């Protein structure tokens, strides 16, 4: 569960950076790079969730 918390914190930080970059025209060029990293984090989380039998998902 500690890993899960770290993943969620990482996603939150990346989202905050994304929003900040969207508001700042000088960093718009790096937006795609930020988004790619964010998407990779989501995919890593999805894989980890699958390997660990799901998080908060009932087996019904």
N, C-alpha and C. Protein backbone atom coordinates (compact mmCIF):
# COMPACT_ATOMS: atom_id res chain seq x y z
N UNK A 1 0.83 -1.22 0.00
CA UNK A 1 0.00 0.00 0.00
C UNK A 1 0.86 1.27 0.00
N UNK A 2 2.04 1.17 0.58
CA UNK A 2 2.93 2.34 0.59
C UNK A 2 3.31 2.72 -0.85
N UNK A 3 3.56 1.68 -1.68
CA UNK A 3 3.89 1.93 -3.09
C UNK A 3 2.75 2.68 -3.76
N UNK A 4 1.54 2.25 -3.48
CA UNK A 4 0.36 2.88 -4.07
C UNK A 4 0.30 4.36 -3.72
N UNK A 5 0.56 4.68 -2.45
CA UNK A 5 0.56 6.08 -2.02
C UNK A 5 1.61 6.90 -2.76
N UNK A 6 2.79 6.30 -2.95
CA UNK A 6 3.87 7.00 -3.66
C UNK A 6 3.48 7.26 -5.11
N UNK A 7 2.83 6.27 -5.74
CA UNK A 7 2.41 6.42 -7.14
C UNK A 7 1.40 7.56 -7.25
N UNK A 8 0.43 7.57 -6.33
CA UNK A 8 -0.61 8.60 -6.38
C UNK A 8 0.00 9.98 -6.14
N UNK A 9 0.93 10.09 -5.19
CA UNK A 9 1.61 11.37 -4.95
C UNK A 9 2.37 11.82 -6.20
N UNK A 10 3.03 10.86 -6.85
CA UNK A 10 3.78 11.18 -8.07
C UNK A 10 2.86 11.71 -9.16
N UNK A 11 1.69 11.09 -9.29
CA UNK A 11 0.72 11.52 -10.30
C UNK A 11 0.22 12.92 -9.96
N UNK A 12 -0.07 13.16 -8.70
CA UNK A 12 -0.55 14.49 -8.28
C UNK A 12 0.49 15.56 -8.59
N UNK A 13 1.75 15.28 -8.29
CA UNK A 13 2.82 16.26 -8.56
C UNK A 13 2.91 16.54 -10.05
N UNK A 14 2.85 15.48 -10.87
CA UNK A 14 2.94 15.66 -12.32
C UNK A 14 1.76 16.47 -12.84
N UNK A 15 0.57 16.23 -12.26
CA UNK A 15 -0.61 16.99 -12.68
C UNK A 15 -0.44 18.47 -12.35
N UNK A 16 0.09 18.76 -11.16
CA UNK A 16 0.31 20.16 -10.78
C UNK A 16 1.29 20.83 -11.73
N UNK A 17 2.35 20.11 -12.11
CA UNK A 17 3.34 20.65 -13.05
C UNK A 17 2.68 20.88 -14.41
N UNK A 18 1.85 19.91 -14.83
CA UNK A 18 1.15 20.05 -16.12
C UNK A 18 0.30 21.31 -16.14
N UNK A 19 -0.48 21.50 -15.09
CA UNK A 19 -1.37 22.67 -15.03
C UNK A 19 -0.55 23.96 -15.03
N UNK A 20 0.51 23.98 -14.24
CA UNK A 20 1.37 25.17 -14.19
C UNK A 20 1.96 25.46 -15.57
N UNK A 21 2.39 24.42 -16.26
CA UNK A 21 2.99 24.62 -17.58
C UNK A 21 1.96 25.08 -18.61
N UNK A 22 0.72 24.64 -18.46
CA UNK A 22 -0.33 25.06 -19.38
C UNK A 22 -0.59 26.56 -19.24
N UNK A 23 -0.42 27.06 -18.02
CA UNK A 23 -0.69 28.48 -17.76
C UNK A 23 0.48 29.38 -18.16
N UNK A 24 1.66 28.78 -18.27
CA UNK A 24 2.86 29.56 -18.58
C UNK A 24 3.25 29.35 -20.04
N UNK A 25 3.05 30.36 -20.89
CA UNK A 25 3.32 30.20 -22.32
C UNK A 25 4.78 29.87 -22.65
N UNK A 26 5.69 30.23 -21.75
CA UNK A 26 7.11 29.98 -22.02
C UNK A 26 7.46 28.49 -21.95
N UNK A 27 6.63 27.71 -21.25
CA UNK A 27 6.96 26.28 -21.09
C UNK A 27 6.02 25.38 -21.90
N UNK A 28 5.21 25.96 -22.76
CA UNK A 28 4.25 25.17 -23.52
C UNK A 28 4.95 24.13 -24.38
N UNK A 29 6.13 24.44 -24.88
CA UNK A 29 6.85 23.50 -25.75
C UNK A 29 7.14 22.18 -25.04
N UNK A 30 7.30 22.22 -23.70
CA UNK A 30 7.62 20.99 -22.98
C UNK A 30 6.36 20.25 -22.52
N UNK A 31 5.21 20.77 -22.89
CA UNK A 31 3.96 20.16 -22.44
C UNK A 31 3.84 18.70 -22.89
N UNK A 32 4.22 18.42 -24.14
CA UNK A 32 4.12 17.04 -24.65
C UNK A 32 5.05 16.11 -23.88
N UNK A 33 6.22 16.60 -23.52
CA UNK A 33 7.15 15.79 -22.73
C UNK A 33 6.55 15.47 -21.36
N UNK A 34 5.97 16.48 -20.74
CA UNK A 34 5.34 16.30 -19.43
C UNK A 34 4.21 15.28 -19.53
N UNK A 35 3.40 15.43 -20.57
CA UNK A 35 2.25 14.55 -20.75
C UNK A 35 2.70 13.11 -20.94
N UNK A 36 3.77 12.92 -21.71
CA UNK A 36 4.29 11.57 -21.96
C UNK A 36 4.69 10.93 -20.65
N UNK A 37 5.41 11.67 -19.80
CA UNK A 37 5.82 11.14 -18.50
C UNK A 37 4.62 10.80 -17.63
N UNK A 38 3.60 11.65 -17.69
CA UNK A 38 2.38 11.42 -16.92
C UNK A 38 1.69 10.15 -17.38
N UNK A 39 1.60 9.98 -18.71
CA UNK A 39 0.94 8.80 -19.25
C UNK A 39 1.69 7.53 -18.88
N UNK A 40 3.03 7.58 -18.90
CA UNK A 40 3.83 6.43 -18.52
C UNK A 40 3.59 6.05 -17.06
N UNK A 41 3.45 7.05 -16.20
CA UNK A 41 3.17 6.79 -14.79
C UNK A 41 1.84 6.07 -14.63
N UNK A 42 0.82 6.52 -15.37
CA UNK A 42 -0.50 5.88 -15.34
C UNK A 42 -0.39 4.43 -15.80
N UNK A 43 0.38 4.20 -16.87
CA UNK A 43 0.52 2.84 -17.39
C UNK A 43 1.25 1.95 -16.38
N UNK A 44 2.30 2.48 -15.75
CA UNK A 44 3.01 1.72 -14.72
C UNK A 44 2.06 1.35 -13.61
N UNK A 45 1.22 2.28 -13.21
CA UNK A 45 0.26 2.05 -12.13
C UNK A 45 -0.75 0.98 -12.55
N UNK A 46 -1.21 1.05 -13.80
CA UNK A 46 -2.18 0.06 -14.30
C UNK A 46 -1.57 -1.34 -14.28
N UNK A 47 -0.32 -1.45 -14.71
CA UNK A 47 0.37 -2.75 -14.72
C UNK A 47 0.53 -3.25 -13.29
N UNK A 48 0.97 -2.39 -12.39
CA UNK A 48 1.16 -2.78 -11.00
C UNK A 48 -0.16 -3.24 -10.39
N UNK A 49 -1.24 -2.51 -10.69
CA UNK A 49 -2.57 -2.86 -10.17
C UNK A 49 -2.98 -4.24 -10.66
N UNK A 50 -2.76 -4.51 -11.93
CA UNK A 50 -3.10 -5.80 -12.52
C UNK A 50 -2.32 -6.92 -11.85
N UNK A 51 -1.02 -6.71 -11.64
CA UNK A 51 -0.15 -7.72 -11.04
C UNK A 51 -0.53 -8.00 -9.59
N UNK A 52 -1.12 -7.01 -8.93
CA UNK A 52 -1.44 -7.16 -7.51
C UNK A 52 -2.92 -7.41 -7.27
N UNK A 53 -3.61 -7.87 -8.28
CA UNK A 53 -5.00 -8.27 -8.13
C UNK A 53 -5.98 -7.12 -7.99
N UNK A 54 -5.59 -5.96 -8.44
CA UNK A 54 -6.51 -4.83 -8.39
C UNK A 54 -6.48 -4.12 -7.05
N UNK A 55 -6.81 -2.85 -7.07
CA UNK A 55 -6.83 -2.04 -5.85
C UNK A 55 -8.25 -1.55 -5.65
N UNK A 56 -8.87 -1.96 -4.57
CA UNK A 56 -10.23 -1.51 -4.27
C UNK A 56 -11.25 -2.04 -5.26
N UNK A 57 -10.93 -3.17 -5.88
CA UNK A 57 -11.86 -3.76 -6.85
C UNK A 57 -12.38 -5.07 -6.26
N UNK A 58 -13.69 -5.19 -6.20
CA UNK A 58 -14.27 -6.42 -5.66
C UNK A 58 -14.16 -7.54 -6.69
N UNK A 59 -14.07 -8.77 -6.24
CA UNK A 59 -13.87 -9.90 -7.15
C UNK A 59 -15.20 -10.55 -7.55
N UNK A 60 -16.28 -9.80 -7.46
CA UNK A 60 -17.60 -10.35 -7.82
C UNK A 60 -17.76 -10.43 -9.33
